[in-house]
Protein backbone atom coordinates (compact mmCIF):
# COMPACT_ATOMS: atom_id res chain seq x y z
CA MET A 1 116.25 121.69 74.28
CA LEU A 2 115.75 120.09 70.86
CA ASN A 3 112.91 122.42 69.88
CA ASN A 4 115.24 123.72 67.17
CA LEU A 5 114.84 121.61 64.04
CA ALA A 6 118.32 122.38 62.74
CA LEU A 7 119.84 121.31 66.04
CA ALA A 8 117.70 118.17 66.09
CA ASP A 9 118.92 117.31 62.63
CA ARG A 10 122.55 117.75 63.72
CA ALA A 11 121.95 115.48 66.71
CA ASN A 12 120.46 112.68 64.64
CA CYS A 13 122.19 109.34 65.12
CA GLY A 14 121.57 105.62 64.75
CA GLU A 15 119.65 103.33 67.09
CA ASP A 16 122.83 101.66 68.35
CA GLU A 17 124.29 105.02 69.34
CA LYS A 18 121.06 106.00 71.06
CA ALA A 19 121.14 102.74 73.01
CA GLU A 20 124.63 103.63 74.22
CA CYS A 21 123.22 106.88 75.64
CA LYS A 22 121.07 104.95 78.11
CA GLU A 23 124.03 104.65 80.49
CA LEU A 24 124.37 108.44 80.50
CA VAL A 25 120.69 108.71 81.45
CA ARG A 26 121.20 106.24 84.30
CA ALA A 27 124.32 108.03 85.54
CA ILE A 28 122.72 111.48 85.66
CA THR A 29 119.62 109.99 87.29
CA ARG A 30 121.89 108.66 90.04
CA TYR A 31 123.36 112.14 90.50
CA SER A 32 119.83 113.50 90.70
CA GLN A 33 118.96 110.99 93.43
CA LYS A 34 122.10 111.87 95.35
CA ALA A 35 121.40 115.60 95.12
CA ARG A 36 117.82 115.16 96.35
CA LYS A 37 118.95 112.99 99.25
CA GLU A 38 122.18 114.69 100.35
CA GLY A 39 122.02 118.16 98.80
CA LEU A 40 123.69 119.65 95.72
CA LEU A 41 127.05 120.05 97.43
CA ALA A 42 127.32 116.26 97.74
CA LEU A 43 127.85 116.10 93.97
CA GLU A 44 131.23 117.81 94.28
CA ASP A 45 132.84 114.47 95.13
CA ASN A 46 131.77 113.09 91.75
CA ILE A 47 132.91 115.94 89.52
CA GLU A 48 136.65 115.22 89.49
CA ASP A 49 136.05 111.65 88.33
CA LEU A 50 133.77 112.54 85.44
CA GLY A 51 135.11 111.72 82.00
CA ASP A 52 132.67 114.09 80.29
CA PRO A 53 133.86 117.73 80.51
CA PHE A 54 130.44 119.13 79.56
CA LEU A 55 128.72 117.20 82.34
CA ALA A 56 131.48 118.20 84.75
CA LEU A 57 130.99 121.86 83.80
CA GLY A 58 127.24 121.69 84.29
CA LEU A 59 127.43 119.98 87.67
CA GLN A 60 130.18 122.32 88.87
CA LEU A 61 128.07 125.35 87.99
CA VAL A 62 125.15 123.86 89.91
CA VAL A 63 127.29 122.96 92.95
CA ASP A 64 128.74 126.49 92.92
CA GLY A 65 125.22 127.90 93.28
CA THR A 66 125.28 129.65 89.90
CA ASP A 67 122.03 131.37 88.94
CA PRO A 68 119.87 128.97 86.84
CA ASP A 69 119.58 131.47 83.98
CA ILE A 70 123.37 131.74 83.80
CA VAL A 71 123.73 127.94 83.84
CA THR A 72 121.24 127.72 80.99
CA ALA A 73 123.03 130.43 79.02
CA ILE A 74 126.49 128.87 79.39
CA LEU A 75 125.43 125.33 78.54
CA SER A 76 123.13 126.28 75.67
CA THR A 77 125.84 128.47 74.12
CA GLN A 78 128.22 125.50 74.23
CA ILE A 79 125.61 123.40 72.45
CA TYR A 80 124.54 125.89 69.79
CA TYR A 81 127.95 127.29 68.90
CA GLY A 82 130.03 124.13 69.19
CA GLU A 83 130.79 121.96 66.20
CA HIS A 84 129.42 118.81 67.75
CA LYS A 85 126.97 116.59 65.92
CA GLY A 86 125.45 113.12 66.04
CA LYS A 87 125.71 111.12 69.24
CA ARG A 88 127.92 113.67 71.02
CA LEU A 89 125.47 116.49 70.41
CA LEU A 90 122.61 114.27 71.55
CA GLU A 91 124.51 113.52 74.76
CA MET A 92 125.10 117.22 75.37
CA CYS A 93 121.40 117.98 74.95
CA MET A 94 120.52 115.22 77.41
CA ILE A 95 123.12 116.53 79.87
CA PHE A 96 121.65 120.02 79.49
CA ASP A 97 118.19 118.87 80.56
CA GLY A 98 119.57 116.54 83.23
CA VAL A 99 121.66 119.28 84.86
CA ARG A 100 118.76 121.73 84.78
CA SER A 101 116.52 119.13 86.41
CA ILE A 102 119.06 118.52 89.16
CA GLN A 103 119.38 122.24 89.83
CA SER A 104 115.61 122.77 89.95
CA GLY A 105 115.13 119.79 92.28
CA ASP A 106 112.97 117.69 89.96
CA ASN A 107 112.03 114.21 91.06
CA PRO A 108 114.80 111.92 89.71
CA ARG A 109 112.24 109.99 87.66
CA ILE A 110 111.16 113.23 85.98
CA ALA A 111 114.79 114.06 85.25
CA GLU A 112 115.17 110.60 83.76
CA LEU A 113 112.10 111.03 81.56
CA LYS A 114 113.30 114.40 80.27
CA MET A 115 116.60 112.89 79.16
CA ALA A 116 115.09 109.68 77.79
CA ALA A 117 112.74 111.71 75.59
CA TYR A 118 115.71 112.40 73.31
CA LEU A 119 115.93 108.70 72.52
CA GLY A 120 112.60 108.60 70.70
CA ASP A 121 110.60 105.38 71.00
CA MET A 122 113.53 103.78 72.81
CA GLY A 123 113.12 106.35 75.57
CA LEU A 124 109.55 105.27 76.23
CA GLU A 125 110.91 102.09 77.79
CA VAL A 126 112.36 104.08 80.69
CA ASP A 127 109.01 104.59 82.38
CA LYS A 128 107.51 101.16 81.71
CA ASP A 129 107.14 100.42 85.39
CA GLU A 130 104.28 97.97 85.77
CA THR A 131 104.62 97.97 89.56
CA TYR A 132 103.13 101.45 90.16
CA GLY A 133 99.72 99.99 91.01
CA LYS A 134 101.16 97.39 93.38
CA GLN A 135 103.42 99.95 95.09
CA PHE A 136 100.48 102.33 95.40
CA ARG A 137 98.24 99.76 97.07
CA GLU A 138 101.02 98.74 99.46
CA LEU A 139 101.64 102.39 100.30
CA LEU A 140 97.99 103.06 101.09
CA ASP A 141 97.71 99.91 103.21
CA SER A 142 100.75 100.89 105.28
CA LEU A 143 99.61 104.37 106.32
CA PRO A 144 96.37 104.37 108.38
CA GLY A 145 97.07 104.77 112.07
CA THR A 146 100.82 105.21 111.71
CA ILE A 147 102.46 107.83 113.92
CA ASN A 148 104.88 110.32 112.39
CA PRO A 149 107.17 111.98 114.97
CA LYS A 150 107.59 114.93 112.60
CA SER A 151 103.85 115.55 112.36
CA THR A 152 102.97 119.18 113.10
CA GLY A 153 99.19 118.76 113.23
CA ILE A 154 98.72 121.55 110.68
CA LEU A 155 97.68 119.35 107.77
CA GLU A 156 95.53 117.24 110.06
CA ALA A 157 93.53 120.31 111.05
CA LEU A 158 93.24 121.44 107.45
CA PHE A 159 92.29 118.22 105.66
CA SER A 160 90.32 116.28 108.26
CA GLY A 161 86.98 117.86 107.35
CA LEU A 162 87.47 118.19 103.59
CA ASN A 163 85.95 115.94 100.96
CA ASP A 164 88.00 114.45 98.12
CA ARG A 165 86.99 117.12 95.63
CA ALA A 166 88.25 119.88 97.93
CA VAL A 167 91.49 118.00 98.59
CA GLN A 168 92.10 117.65 94.86
CA LYS A 169 91.44 121.36 94.26
CA ILE A 170 94.03 122.29 96.86
CA MET A 171 96.58 119.83 95.55
CA ARG A 172 96.25 121.14 91.99
CA GLU A 173 97.41 124.54 93.23
CA ILE A 174 100.69 123.45 94.83
CA ASP A 175 103.96 122.25 93.36
CA SER A 176 104.55 118.53 93.91
CA LYS A 177 107.94 119.14 95.55
CA GLU A 178 106.37 121.52 98.06
CA LEU A 179 103.56 119.05 98.64
CA GLY A 180 106.10 116.34 99.44
CA ALA A 181 107.97 118.64 101.82
CA ALA A 182 104.72 119.49 103.62
CA MET A 183 103.82 115.81 103.88
CA VAL A 184 107.07 115.06 105.71
CA GLY A 185 105.23 116.67 108.62
CA ALA A 186 101.92 114.81 108.19
CA SER A 187 100.41 111.89 110.07
CA GLY A 188 99.81 108.54 108.40
CA ASP A 189 96.07 109.20 108.19
CA VAL A 190 96.51 112.55 106.44
CA ALA A 191 99.13 111.10 104.10
CA HIS A 192 96.67 108.33 103.24
CA LYS A 193 94.00 110.90 102.40
CA LEU A 194 96.36 112.90 100.19
CA TYR A 195 97.82 109.89 98.37
CA SER A 196 94.29 108.58 97.79
CA ASN A 197 93.61 111.70 95.75
CA MET A 198 96.58 111.19 93.41
CA SER A 199 97.20 108.85 90.53
CA ALA A 200 99.27 105.80 91.41
CA ARG A 201 102.29 107.15 89.57
CA SER A 202 102.06 110.62 91.09
CA ALA A 203 101.77 109.13 94.55
CA ILE A 204 104.90 107.01 94.08
CA PHE A 205 106.79 110.05 92.78
CA VAL A 206 105.78 112.10 95.83
CA LYS A 207 106.66 109.24 98.19
CA GLU A 208 110.10 108.98 96.57
CA ASP A 209 110.54 112.74 96.99
CA ILE A 210 109.68 112.43 100.66
CA ASP A 211 112.11 109.55 101.19
CA LEU A 212 114.92 111.47 99.50
CA MET A 213 114.42 114.68 101.49
CA GLN A 214 113.82 113.11 104.92
CA ALA A 215 117.44 113.42 106.03
CA THR A 216 118.02 117.01 104.92
CA ILE A 217 114.72 118.89 105.20
CA THR A 218 114.40 121.27 108.15
CA ALA A 219 111.42 121.96 110.39
CA LYS A 220 111.34 125.49 108.96
CA GLU A 221 111.07 124.20 105.39
CA ILE A 222 108.26 121.83 106.38
CA ALA A 223 106.41 124.68 108.10
CA GLU A 224 106.83 127.00 105.10
CA CYS A 225 105.35 124.45 102.70
CA GLN A 226 102.50 123.64 105.05
CA SER A 227 101.80 127.36 105.38
CA LYS A 228 101.57 127.64 101.57
CA ILE A 229 98.97 124.86 101.51
CA THR A 230 97.00 126.56 104.28
CA ASP A 231 97.09 129.85 102.36
CA ILE A 232 95.90 128.11 99.18
CA ALA A 233 93.00 126.54 101.07
CA GLY A 234 92.10 129.95 102.50
CA ARG A 235 92.00 131.55 99.06
CA LEU A 236 89.87 128.73 97.68
CA ARG A 237 87.43 129.15 100.60
CA ASP A 238 87.26 132.90 100.04
CA ARG A 239 86.33 132.27 96.40
CA GLY A 240 83.72 129.74 97.42
CA GLU A 241 85.49 126.87 95.63
CA ILE A 242 85.75 124.69 98.73
CA ALA A 243 83.63 124.59 101.84
């Protein structure tokens, strides 16, 4: 949002005021987690209690199912044509990106990073999670041989004979959210193979996506995402990029 230098200058504020914005980042990240786990409509219960009218407007538009372009237009007009400046303008810009992330279904950690970026060097502290490596190793150790009752067998048939290079080529072609949805219907062995071809951080993000969508994702949605992966693999084979 702050790719406009004049707007960035208006939103400039002191370090103490930026520090106070961290709670806003945490609050919107919680709404993002709730939306991913329970669906966007679940946020309606929170809107009436919000003390920030701009955040309430953004979330209400999202809950109402308003087209993303219209949400962007309404919120950005409020930002550009309002008379806000300093900390309040900074908050509104963070809310803008947070609301858009919630509507697009971004991983809550990604939503958090987008908002924290407005805090400059202070925002870099948000993603200083030194446990990624440990979580990643524990995840990999837990998967081999595990049975997933939602497993469809589709990803097993696709990935069982592919080498790591081919797996990585396929994964680069698919959105991480769709990958997570497809993996809800994968066995432990296939999940292990896919996670093994991601960075530790990416793997944890995908695992968190899977955990959040477990309760709401439908068999049809799983099948659609698995079908996309199968189609991608087919195109790569036709081009001779994988065996």
